[in-house]
């Protein structure tokens, strides 16, 4: 009894291995983003990301923080349409893991100027908070920027 594979199966296996790709994840620091100091309140964070109020489409941003809650970097996770942005926990936490973030803070805008979170905003925030718990990355807040100096904080309103 022969235990080796027939030649046509060996060739097929070798051919499949030939096309297996190696993927390398790298952390890349952008040079054109200005550094901002530690932010102590949702108001300060909203001020630094007030540019979101000028956007004509929804954008979802994740701010990565170290153990002392100092900003490490930020990631524009999604740019959507006038009324929604596609957000998935996998995409949100991918860069947070790469930057070794201990905590995250989410921001997105409402181009309509509406300040209250929608049912979808509440649902995705809960989903992201659950994913953060699983990954041991603390979700500090979720801010909705809806005007030049106006924001809604999930934490301040007891929703987080």
Protein backbone atom coordinates (compact mmCIF):
# COMPACT_ATOMS: atom_id res chain seq x y z
CA UNK A 1 0.00 0.00 0.00
CA UNK A 2 1.40 3.37 -1.06
CA UNK A 3 0.71 6.39 1.21
CA UNK A 4 1.97 9.07 -1.17
CA UNK A 5 -0.46 11.19 -3.17
CA UNK A 6 -1.03 10.46 -6.84
CA UNK A 7 0.99 12.75 -9.12
CA UNK A 8 -2.04 14.74 -10.36
CA UNK A 9 -2.95 15.65 -6.74
CA UNK A 10 0.65 16.62 -5.89
CA UNK A 11 0.74 18.99 -8.86
CA UNK A 12 -2.59 20.54 -7.89
CA UNK A 13 -1.44 21.09 -4.29
CA UNK A 14 1.84 22.64 -5.45
CA UNK A 15 -0.06 24.88 -7.84
CA UNK A 16 -2.40 26.08 -5.03
CA UNK A 17 0.57 26.88 -2.80
CA UNK A 18 2.13 28.89 -5.60
CA UNK A 19 -0.76 31.38 -5.48
CA UNK A 20 -0.94 31.80 -1.70
CA UNK A 21 -0.18 35.45 -0.93
CA UNK A 22 1.62 36.78 2.11
CA UNK A 23 0.05 39.85 3.68
CA UNK A 24 1.98 42.26 5.85
CA UNK A 25 0.16 44.80 8.02
CA UNK A 26 2.17 47.93 8.63
CA UNK A 27 1.61 51.01 10.73
CA UNK A 28 2.19 54.12 8.60
CA UNK A 29 2.38 57.58 10.13
CA UNK A 30 1.01 60.32 7.88
CA UNK A 31 3.21 63.40 7.75
CA UNK A 32 0.56 65.97 6.83
CA UNK A 33 -1.61 65.57 9.94
CA UNK A 34 -0.93 68.12 12.65
CA UNK A 35 -0.32 66.85 16.16
CA UNK A 36 -2.69 67.96 18.88
CA UNK A 37 -2.07 67.79 22.63
CA UNK A 38 -3.94 65.70 25.13
CA UNK A 39 -7.64 66.44 25.16
CA UNK A 40 -9.45 66.45 28.47
CA UNK A 41 -13.08 66.92 27.46
CA UNK A 42 -15.51 66.12 24.66
CA UNK A 43 -15.64 69.84 23.93
CA UNK A 44 -11.89 69.94 23.20
CA UNK A 45 -12.13 66.87 20.95
CA UNK A 46 -15.07 68.39 19.06
CA UNK A 47 -13.08 71.60 18.61
CA UNK A 48 -10.15 69.73 17.05
CA UNK A 49 -12.47 67.87 14.69
CA UNK A 50 -14.75 70.81 13.89
CA UNK A 51 -13.78 70.43 10.20
CA UNK A 52 -16.39 67.63 10.12
CA UNK A 53 -19.14 70.25 10.37
CA UNK A 54 -18.15 71.55 6.91
CA UNK A 55 -18.41 68.18 5.14
CA UNK A 56 -21.30 67.48 2.79
CA UNK A 57 -21.24 63.72 3.49
CA UNK A 58 -21.13 61.71 6.68
CA UNK A 59 -17.63 60.80 7.82
CA UNK A 60 -16.77 58.41 10.63
CA UNK A 61 -13.47 58.98 12.45
CA UNK A 62 -11.79 56.91 15.15
CA UNK A 63 -9.35 58.64 17.50
CA UNK A 64 -6.81 56.23 19.03
CA UNK A 65 -5.57 56.89 22.56
CA UNK A 66 -2.76 55.45 24.65
CA UNK A 67 -2.95 54.20 28.25
CA UNK A 68 -2.97 57.80 29.57
CA UNK A 69 -5.72 58.79 27.11
CA UNK A 70 -3.30 60.86 25.02
CA UNK A 71 -3.94 60.81 21.26
CA UNK A 72 -1.80 58.42 19.25
CA UNK A 73 -3.40 58.97 15.87
CA UNK A 74 -6.76 59.13 14.14
CA UNK A 75 -8.27 57.21 11.27
CA UNK A 76 -11.00 58.26 8.82
CA UNK A 77 -12.79 54.92 8.76
CA UNK A 78 -15.60 55.75 6.36
CA UNK A 79 -16.92 58.47 4.09
CA UNK A 80 -20.55 57.87 3.25
CA UNK A 81 -23.50 59.70 1.75
CA UNK A 82 -25.56 62.66 2.87
CA UNK A 83 -27.41 60.57 5.42
CA UNK A 84 -25.24 57.57 6.33
CA UNK A 85 -21.76 56.07 6.48
CA UNK A 86 -21.00 52.35 6.31
CA UNK A 87 -19.32 51.27 9.54
CA UNK A 88 -18.16 47.79 10.52
CA UNK A 89 -16.32 46.91 13.77
CA UNK A 90 -13.62 45.07 11.81
CA UNK A 91 -12.68 48.25 9.91
CA UNK A 92 -12.93 50.47 12.99
CA UNK A 93 -10.67 48.36 15.21
CA UNK A 94 -8.17 47.24 12.55
CA UNK A 95 -6.10 50.42 12.80
CA UNK A 96 -6.69 50.72 16.56
CA UNK A 97 -4.99 47.36 16.99
CA UNK A 98 -2.13 48.34 14.69
CA UNK A 99 -1.51 51.56 16.64
CA UNK A 100 -1.60 49.69 19.99
CA UNK A 101 -4.46 51.87 21.20
CA UNK A 102 -5.67 51.34 24.72
CA UNK A 103 -8.85 53.34 24.13
CA UNK A 104 -10.77 54.88 21.24
CA UNK A 105 -13.14 57.75 20.74
CA UNK A 106 -15.53 57.86 17.80
CA UNK A 107 -16.66 60.94 15.91
CA UNK A 108 -18.97 61.45 13.00
CA UNK A 109 -20.88 64.33 11.52
CA UNK A 110 -24.47 64.98 10.59
CA UNK A 111 -24.42 67.13 7.41
CA UNK A 112 -28.12 67.85 7.97
CA UNK A 113 -27.24 69.71 11.18
CA UNK A 114 -29.44 67.38 13.26
CA UNK A 115 -27.89 66.99 16.71
CA UNK A 116 -29.67 63.98 18.14
CA UNK A 117 -28.32 60.48 17.40
CA UNK A 118 -30.42 58.30 15.13
CA UNK A 119 -31.50 54.77 16.02
CA UNK A 120 -28.69 53.54 13.72
CA UNK A 121 -26.15 55.72 15.57
CA UNK A 122 -27.20 54.17 18.87
CA UNK A 123 -27.13 50.65 17.42
CA UNK A 124 -23.63 50.93 15.90
CA UNK A 125 -22.27 52.58 19.05
CA UNK A 126 -23.48 49.63 21.13
CA UNK A 127 -22.03 47.18 18.60
CA UNK A 128 -18.66 48.98 18.63
CA UNK A 129 -18.66 49.13 22.42
CA UNK A 130 -19.23 45.35 22.58
CA UNK A 131 -16.41 44.75 20.07
CA UNK A 132 -14.13 47.02 22.10
CA UNK A 133 -14.84 45.03 25.27
CA UNK A 134 -13.94 41.82 23.46
CA UNK A 135 -10.64 43.35 22.26
CA UNK A 136 -10.01 45.07 25.62
CA UNK A 137 -10.01 48.49 23.96
CA UNK A 138 -12.01 51.00 25.99
CA UNK A 139 -14.60 53.04 24.08
CA UNK A 140 -14.51 56.45 25.80
CA UNK A 141 -17.16 58.34 23.84
CA UNK A 142 -18.93 58.83 20.54
CA UNK A 143 -19.34 62.43 19.41
CA UNK A 144 -21.69 63.68 16.72
CA UNK A 145 -20.48 66.94 15.22
CA UNK A 146 -23.43 68.88 13.87
CA UNK A 147 -22.27 72.48 13.75
CA UNK A 148 -19.18 74.66 13.92
CA UNK A 149 -19.07 74.36 17.74
CA UNK A 150 -22.02 72.05 18.38
CA UNK A 151 -21.68 68.40 19.30
CA UNK A 152 -23.56 65.56 20.96
CA UNK A 153 -21.66 63.32 23.38
CA UNK A 154 -23.00 59.83 24.05
CA UNK A 155 -21.06 59.77 27.35
CA UNK A 156 -22.41 63.13 28.57
CA UNK A 157 -25.98 62.01 27.80
CA UNK A 158 -25.59 58.66 29.58
CA UNK A 159 -25.78 56.58 26.40
CA UNK A 160 -22.34 55.02 26.80
